[in-house]
């Protein structure tokens, strides 16, 4: 054999030996995969049955506490569960049960809320007549139509609300009237036929907005005792709104003010929030506003 051929055989043998050695090393360091976890499976039928049982966990407690189904009537519940559709008798029973539930709500929660609206401390609503009106309206035998009943209800609730507020905050009316009477004597204060009072601090020369115009203003509002309840100056943010979207006293004043004006307004309670409570403003409060009309933004 020639020397060149012998050399090639020796090189080939060396490579085979090296590859075999590397393969043995890799086989020693290679991690073994964990055996797959064996799952104890069951048939789909057994699984379905077990799932049905599992879903009833806590159901009896729910039926008792949330649906009022007593334990001794579970057989009736199961009978209903087996029945996919309501019969006519079942529908009548369902309607009757709904009527009983609504009666409980009317006689309990609704009656309590109405009594609180009428008077904070007395139960003045005639419960039996309330229930009779409710029942007859549903039966179509009521002696009042729905519109008339709604009008009577709204007027009377408004009256009761004003009465309650006057009992609680009536002193604000007297104090406000006394303040306005004294304020009207000042030479710088003008009074309009509505009772609005104002003082011109700066006379503007711009256009005067209409009630439907949107305007940008800076303002500060306070009670007659000096308490500041709102201020765009403190927020460093002028307010923008339509003139007819604010209290009556503001609407009247803004539609008299040329742009660039700065006025002080003295607003009687009936041109302000009247018997309503608005944030920090108690009912029947006379209000003082410094108003600066910056521009009409239409």
Protein backbone atom coordinates (compact mmCIF):
# COMPACT_ATOMS: atom_id res chain seq x y z
CA UNK A 1 0.00 0.00 0.00
CA UNK A 2 1.27 3.41 -0.87
CA UNK A 3 2.18 5.85 1.94
CA UNK A 4 -0.54 8.30 0.88
CA UNK A 5 -3.28 5.63 1.08
CA UNK A 6 -2.08 4.43 4.47
CA UNK A 7 -2.22 8.00 5.81
CA UNK A 8 -5.80 8.47 4.60
CA UNK A 9 -6.92 5.26 6.33
CA UNK A 10 -5.30 6.29 9.59
CA UNK A 11 -6.99 9.77 9.47
CA UNK A 12 -10.41 8.21 8.76
CA UNK A 13 -9.98 5.78 11.67
CA UNK A 14 -9.05 8.63 14.01
CA UNK A 15 -12.17 10.64 13.01
CA UNK A 16 -14.46 7.66 13.60
CA UNK A 17 -12.86 7.14 17.02
CA UNK A 18 -13.34 10.83 17.97
CA UNK A 19 -17.02 10.86 16.87
CA UNK A 20 -17.75 7.72 18.86
CA UNK A 21 -16.12 9.22 21.96
CA UNK A 22 -18.13 12.48 21.63
CA UNK A 23 -21.34 10.52 21.21
CA UNK A 24 -20.60 8.56 24.41
CA UNK A 25 -20.02 11.84 26.33
CA UNK A 26 -23.29 13.33 25.05
CA UNK A 27 -25.22 10.24 26.04
CA UNK A 28 -23.80 10.48 29.57
CA UNK A 29 -24.75 14.18 30.03
CA UNK A 30 -28.20 14.09 28.36
CA UNK A 31 -31.07 14.57 30.90
CA UNK A 32 -33.75 11.98 31.10
CA UNK A 33 -37.36 13.17 30.38
CA UNK A 34 -39.78 12.66 33.32
CA UNK A 35 -42.35 9.99 32.81
CA UNK A 36 -45.78 11.33 31.69
CA UNK A 37 -48.26 11.73 34.56
CA UNK A 38 -50.87 9.04 34.46
CA UNK A 39 -54.40 10.46 34.54
CA UNK A 40 -57.14 8.34 36.06
CA UNK A 41 -59.72 8.97 33.32
CA UNK A 42 -63.34 7.90 33.28
CA UNK A 43 -65.90 7.55 30.56
CA UNK A 44 -67.66 10.68 29.28
CA UNK A 45 -70.89 9.36 30.80
CA UNK A 46 -69.39 9.07 34.27
CA UNK A 47 -67.80 12.51 33.87
CA UNK A 48 -71.15 14.05 32.82
CA UNK A 49 -72.97 12.54 35.81
CA UNK A 50 -70.26 13.69 38.24
CA UNK A 51 -70.33 17.19 36.77
CA UNK A 52 -74.08 17.41 37.36
CA UNK A 53 -73.62 16.49 41.01
CA UNK A 54 -70.74 18.94 41.46
CA UNK A 55 -72.80 21.85 40.11
CA UNK A 56 -75.35 21.55 42.93
CA UNK A 57 -72.81 22.54 45.56
CA UNK A 58 -74.38 25.38 47.60
CA UNK A 59 -77.63 25.33 45.61
CA UNK A 60 -79.91 24.50 48.55
CA UNK A 61 -78.52 27.42 50.56
CA UNK A 62 -79.07 29.71 47.56
CA UNK A 63 -82.64 28.49 47.11
CA UNK A 64 -83.44 29.09 50.77
CA UNK A 65 -81.75 32.47 51.19
CA UNK A 66 -82.25 34.08 47.79
CA UNK A 67 -85.39 32.46 46.38
CA UNK A 68 -87.33 31.62 49.52
CA UNK A 69 -87.65 27.89 48.75
CA UNK A 70 -88.02 26.07 52.06
CA UNK A 71 -86.34 22.69 52.55
CA UNK A 72 -89.61 20.74 52.90
CA UNK A 73 -90.58 21.82 49.36
CA UNK A 74 -87.48 20.52 47.58
CA UNK A 75 -89.55 17.76 45.96
CA UNK A 76 -91.70 20.45 44.33
CA UNK A 77 -88.59 22.28 43.19
CA UNK A 78 -87.29 19.05 41.62
CA UNK A 79 -90.63 18.50 39.92
CA UNK A 80 -90.36 21.96 38.39
CA UNK A 81 -86.76 21.29 37.40
CA UNK A 82 -87.89 18.19 35.48
CA UNK A 83 -90.51 20.19 33.58
CA UNK A 84 -89.02 22.07 30.60
CA UNK A 85 -92.05 24.30 29.93
CA UNK A 86 -94.75 26.01 32.01
CA UNK A 87 -98.32 24.82 31.76
CA UNK A 88 -101.17 27.36 31.85
CA UNK A 89 -101.71 26.53 35.53
CA UNK A 90 -98.02 27.14 36.16
CA UNK A 91 -98.18 30.50 34.38
CA UNK A 92 -101.13 31.56 36.53
CA UNK A 93 -99.23 30.52 39.64
CA UNK A 94 -96.15 32.44 38.45
CA UNK A 95 -98.26 35.57 37.91
CA UNK A 96 -99.84 35.18 41.35
CA UNK A 97 -96.41 34.82 43.00
CA UNK A 98 -95.21 37.92 41.13
CA UNK A 99 -98.25 39.82 42.42
CA UNK A 100 -97.49 38.77 45.99
CA UNK A 101 -93.86 39.87 45.60
CA UNK A 102 -94.83 43.30 44.22
CA UNK A 103 -97.41 43.73 47.01
CA UNK A 104 -94.66 43.19 49.57
CA UNK A 105 -92.50 45.81 47.83
CA UNK A 106 -95.36 48.34 47.64
CA UNK A 107 -96.43 47.82 51.24
CA UNK A 108 -92.86 47.84 52.52
CA UNK A 109 -90.14 49.66 50.63
CA UNK A 110 -92.29 51.94 48.45
CA UNK A 111 -94.55 53.04 51.29
CA UNK A 112 -91.57 53.84 53.52
CA UNK A 113 -89.91 55.93 50.81
CA UNK A 114 -93.11 57.87 50.10
CA UNK A 115 -93.65 58.59 53.78
CA UNK A 116 -90.11 59.95 54.02
CA UNK A 117 -90.79 62.23 51.06
CA UNK A 118 -94.00 63.52 52.68
CA UNK A 119 -92.65 63.93 56.21
CA UNK A 120 -89.39 62.90 57.85
CA UNK A 121 -91.02 61.68 61.05
CA UNK A 122 -94.68 60.79 60.39
CA UNK A 123 -96.39 57.99 58.46
CA UNK A 124 -99.08 60.02 56.70
CA UNK A 125 -99.75 57.93 53.59
CA UNK A 126 -102.96 55.86 53.80
CA UNK A 127 -101.52 52.43 53.00
CA UNK A 128 -104.85 50.81 52.13
CA UNK A 129 -105.82 53.56 49.67
CA UNK A 130 -102.34 53.48 48.14
CA UNK A 131 -102.72 49.74 47.55
CA UNK A 132 -106.28 50.20 46.22
CA UNK A 133 -105.08 52.80 43.71
CA UNK A 134 -102.22 50.53 42.64
CA UNK A 135 -104.54 47.54 42.22
CA UNK A 136 -107.33 49.42 40.41
CA UNK A 137 -104.89 51.04 37.98
CA UNK A 138 -103.64 47.57 36.99
CA UNK A 139 -107.21 46.29 36.68
CA UNK A 140 -108.31 49.32 34.61
CA UNK A 141 -110.97 50.36 37.14
CA UNK A 142 -109.29 53.44 38.68
CA UNK A 143 -111.41 56.60 39.04
CA UNK A 144 -108.46 58.80 37.94
CA UNK A 145 -106.57 58.49 34.68
CA UNK A 146 -102.81 58.12 34.78
CA UNK A 147 -102.03 61.72 33.73
CA UNK A 148 -104.28 63.22 36.40
CA UNK A 149 -102.78 60.95 39.05
CA UNK A 150 -99.25 61.92 37.99
CA UNK A 151 -100.07 65.65 38.15
CA UNK A 152 -101.66 65.35 41.60
CA UNK A 153 -98.72 63.31 42.85
CA UNK A 154 -96.10 65.76 41.53
CA UNK A 155 -97.86 68.86 42.88
CA UNK A 156 -98.39 67.30 46.28
CA UNK A 157 -94.84 65.96 46.59
CA UNK A 158 -93.49 69.40 45.62
CA UNK A 159 -95.70 70.95 48.31
CA UNK A 160 -94.56 68.48 50.97
CA UNK A 161 -90.93 69.04 49.96
CA UNK A 162 -91.25 72.83 50.30
CA UNK A 163 -93.01 72.41 53.64
CA UNK A 164 -90.24 70.17 54.97
CA UNK A 165 -87.54 72.52 53.73
CA UNK A 166 -89.29 75.57 55.22
CA UNK A 167 -89.45 73.85 58.61
CA UNK A 168 -85.75 73.16 58.46
CA UNK A 169 -84.37 76.19 56.59
CA UNK A 170 -87.14 78.80 56.81
CA UNK A 171 -84.88 81.15 58.74
CA UNK A 172 -82.77 81.56 55.59
CA UNK A 173 -85.72 83.24 53.88
CA UNK A 174 -86.13 85.83 56.62
CA UNK A 175 -82.40 86.53 56.80
CA UNK A 176 -82.14 86.89 53.01
CA UNK A 177 -85.11 89.26 52.83
CA UNK A 178 -83.65 91.44 55.58
CA UNK A 179 -80.27 91.53 53.80
CA UNK A 180 -81.84 92.51 50.45
CA UNK A 181 -84.02 95.20 52.03
CA UNK A 182 -80.97 96.82 53.61
CA UNK A 183 -78.84 96.32 50.49
CA UNK A 184 -81.42 98.04 48.27
CA UNK A 185 -80.84 101.30 50.18
CA UNK A 186 -77.28 101.60 48.87
CA UNK A 187 -76.90 104.20 46.10
CA UNK A 188 -74.74 101.91 43.95
CA UNK A 189 -77.27 99.04 43.97
CA UNK A 190 -80.06 98.74 41.40
CA UNK A 191 -83.13 96.50 41.73
CA UNK A 192 -85.07 94.98 38.83
CA UNK A 193 -88.83 94.21 38.89
CA UNK A 194 -88.04 90.54 39.57
CA UNK A 195 -86.18 91.44 42.77
CA UNK A 196 -82.68 90.89 41.36
CA UNK A 197 -80.17 93.41 42.69
CA UNK A 198 -76.87 94.34 41.03
CA UNK A 199 -73.98 96.77 41.29
CA UNK A 200 -71.83 97.72 38.30
CA UNK A 201 -68.13 97.41 39.14
CA UNK A 202 -66.85 97.74 35.56
CA UNK A 203 -69.05 98.92 32.66
CA UNK A 204 -68.42 96.86 29.54
CA UNK A 205 -68.72 98.18 25.99
CA UNK A 206 -69.17 94.93 24.04
CA UNK A 207 -72.26 93.14 22.76
CA UNK A 208 -74.99 92.00 25.14
CA UNK A 209 -75.76 88.26 24.95
CA UNK A 210 -79.18 86.79 24.27
CA UNK A 211 -80.60 84.11 26.55
CA UNK A 212 -79.60 81.36 24.10
CA UNK A 213 -76.03 82.62 23.63
CA UNK A 214 -73.09 80.79 25.16
CA UNK A 215 -70.80 82.97 27.23
CA UNK A 216 -67.46 82.71 29.01
CA UNK A 217 -67.32 84.19 32.52
CA UNK A 218 -65.21 84.40 35.61
CA UNK A 219 -67.11 84.45 38.87
CA UNK A 220 -67.13 83.98 42.61
CA UNK A 221 -70.22 82.96 44.61
CA UNK A 222 -70.77 83.43 48.34
CA UNK A 223 -73.51 83.36 50.94
CA UNK A 224 -74.63 86.50 52.76
CA UNK A 225 -72.43 85.49 55.71
CA UNK A 226 -69.40 85.68 53.41
CA UNK A 227 -68.90 81.93 52.90
CA UNK A 228 -67.45 81.33 49.41
CA UNK A 229 -69.05 78.24 47.85
CA UNK A 230 -67.66 78.42 44.30
CA UNK A 231 -65.03 80.36 42.37
CA UNK A 232 -63.69 80.08 38.84
CA UNK A 233 -60.90 82.44 39.89
CA UNK A 234 -59.59 79.87 42.38
CA UNK A 235 -59.71 77.17 39.70
CA UNK A 236 -57.99 79.54 37.26
CA UNK A 237 -60.54 78.33 34.72
CA UNK A 238 -63.35 80.52 33.32
CA UNK A 239 -66.74 78.83 32.93
CA UNK A 240 -68.62 78.51 29.63
CA UNK A 241 -72.37 77.88 29.37
CA UNK A 242 -75.58 79.12 27.75
CA UNK A 243 -77.24 82.04 29.52
CA UNK A 244 -80.51 80.11 29.87
CA UNK A 245 -78.86 77.07 31.44
CA UNK A 246 -78.20 78.67 34.83
CA UNK A 247 -80.34 79.97 37.70
CA UNK A 248 -82.89 82.68 36.88
CA UNK A 249 -80.94 85.46 38.56
CA UNK A 250 -77.89 84.72 36.41
CA UNK A 251 -79.89 84.54 33.18
CA UNK A 252 -81.51 87.91 33.86
CA UNK A 253 -78.21 89.58 34.74
CA UNK A 254 -76.17 88.12 31.86
CA UNK A 255 -78.71 89.26 29.27
CA UNK A 256 -78.26 92.84 30.58
CA UNK A 257 -74.45 92.84 30.76
CA UNK A 258 -72.31 94.03 27.83
CA UNK A 259 -69.16 91.99 27.25
CA UNK A 260 -66.35 93.37 29.40
CA UNK A 261 -68.67 94.10 32.32
CA UNK A 262 -68.00 93.14 35.90
CA UNK A 263 -71.02 93.20 38.19
CA UNK A 264 -71.90 92.13 41.69
CA UNK A 265 -75.23 90.30 41.80
CA UNK A 266 -77.52 89.90 44.83
CA UNK A 267 -79.90 87.08 44.00
CA UNK A 268 -83.07 86.39 46.06
CA UNK A 269 -83.68 82.73 46.89
CA UNK A 270 -86.61 82.48 44.45
CA UNK A 271 -84.26 83.48 41.60
CA UNK A 272 -81.58 81.09 42.86
CA UNK A 273 -82.02 77.52 44.06
CA UNK A 274 -85.19 78.16 46.15
CA UNK A 275 -85.97 75.04 48.22
CA UNK A 276 -83.21 72.94 46.63
CA UNK A 277 -79.91 72.18 48.29
CA UNK A 278 -77.05 72.73 45.82
CA UNK A 279 -73.69 71.54 47.09
CA UNK A 280 -72.63 73.93 49.85
CA UNK A 281 -75.70 76.14 49.29
CA UNK A 282 -78.51 75.53 51.81
CA UNK A 283 -82.14 75.82 50.63
CA UNK A 284 -83.70 79.30 50.45
CA UNK A 285 -80.29 81.02 50.43
CA UNK A 286 -79.86 84.54 49.10
CA UNK A 287 -76.71 84.50 46.96
CA UNK A 288 -74.01 87.05 46.11
CA UNK A 289 -71.98 86.66 42.92
CA UNK A 290 -69.15 88.65 41.43
CA UNK A 291 -69.50 88.05 37.67
CA UNK A 292 -67.12 89.11 34.91
CA UNK A 293 -68.46 88.63 31.36
CA UNK A 294 -65.42 87.81 29.21
CA UNK A 295 -66.93 86.99 25.83
CA UNK A 296 -69.79 85.53 23.82
CA UNK A 297 -68.50 82.24 22.43
CA UNK A 298 -71.18 81.38 19.81
